[in-house]
Amino acid sequence: MTTHHPLAVIGGGLGGLTLARVLHVHGIETAVFDREDSPAARTQGGMLDIHEDSGQFALRAAGLYDAFRALVHPGGEALRILDPHGAVRLTEEDDGTGTRPEVDRGQLRDLLLSALPQGTVRWGRKATGARSLEDGRHEVTFADGSAITTDLLIGADGAWSRVRPLLSDVLPAYTGISFVESDLWEADVRHPGSAALIGDGFFLCLGDEKGLLAHRESDGSLHVYAALKTGEEWLDTIDFTDPDTTKKAVLTQFEHWDDGLRKLIADADGALVPRRIHALPVGHRWPRTPGVTLLGDAAHLMSPFAGEGANLAMLDGAELGQALAAHPDDREVALAAYEEALFPRSAASAAESDANLRMMFGDDALAHLLDQFTARPQHEH
């Protein structure tokens, strides 16, 4: 069965939902197709710092800024940096004057979903391919056997976008960094030592071309990333169905680190999750192609080391929505204006992300990191 939608968004992440909300504010109907079976199909990840000139701008454009402020995690902008011996090298408290408040990704997604008309998002629609039709229209097929046609196709479907091949044959490449993610639940009660080590906000420890990164979550848990500069195949050598085996494998990489730091891995609750970090080339772009464009990771996937991924996706969605609203009778003009701003902005952020990756997993990483933080005013952290 094939249905037609004047404007279709593939992907119901933060970028796609922001676009749909901004269009709704301007009276433009949108159909969003997401691969998940429901909004509750999986957890949405950890804390996000929402930047003033991108994520917060997008939320204002969506008419949701005040509702967003009600979700902000108090204390979330606090920062602690340690060395591998467990010595504290930098501490900053959250005094409420920061410009990058922390919010739970899942709560932010729920906020955007709740602000859309019922039925805007079609769940359980995993895109399998897209092709061009006549007159700038496109067809998208789904794993359930259904298909849609659309006059305007927006690929907001992430790193391995099924829409991107319409515009570019470039694929994300492995960056050389792999994560193993874990959680410590009810940290203040069950893991008080680790809770004190992490503090109230964001935590970093770097050395030996590896690192431990962590956030205190809004539910009182600690979300920990063991980050390693390693071959792409290393994660395949670990049996992630067995948490104890996984912990041992990861701990061998942190053999000479302080015991308190190692406990962030050794005491993890539940399953540990492997994640390879991929990125599109810095400056990825495509020629203007009628009836289709990209936003978020589909357009400019980058490593997380500039903290820009979610913020840029939301900004993309907001600016695309505003462009389409400003040019209701000429969508090609709208898409051209959107991409003209998108390409240089995303290239700058991708370059920053790449430079930070090289710094954080290179020689004297901790010294360079401390220099970077102490050189900036606290409210920019």
Foldseek 3Di string as FASTA:
>chain_A
DEAEDAAEEEALALLSLLLQLLLVVLVHAYAYEYQAQDLVRDFDDFKAFAADVFRLVSCVSSVRNVVVVVQFQPFALWEWEAELQLHTDDTDTCPPLFRGTMGGRSVSSVSSVVSHPPNSYDYNFAWDAKDADPPQKIKTAGPVGYIYIYQAYEYAPAQQTRQLVVFDPFHWDFLQKKKKKFKAPLCVPPPVLLCVSCDAHWYWYFDPLWIKIWGQGSRRMIMIITMHRHDPCVVVVFDQVDLVRVLVSSVVVSVPGHPSVSCVRVVTPDTIDMDTQIWTDQLDDGDQGGRYDYAANSGTRAGCQLSCRSRRSSRLSSQLSVLCSVCVPDSSSSVVVSRVVSRVVSNVSRVVRSVLSCLRRDPPNSVVVVVVCVVDPSSHD
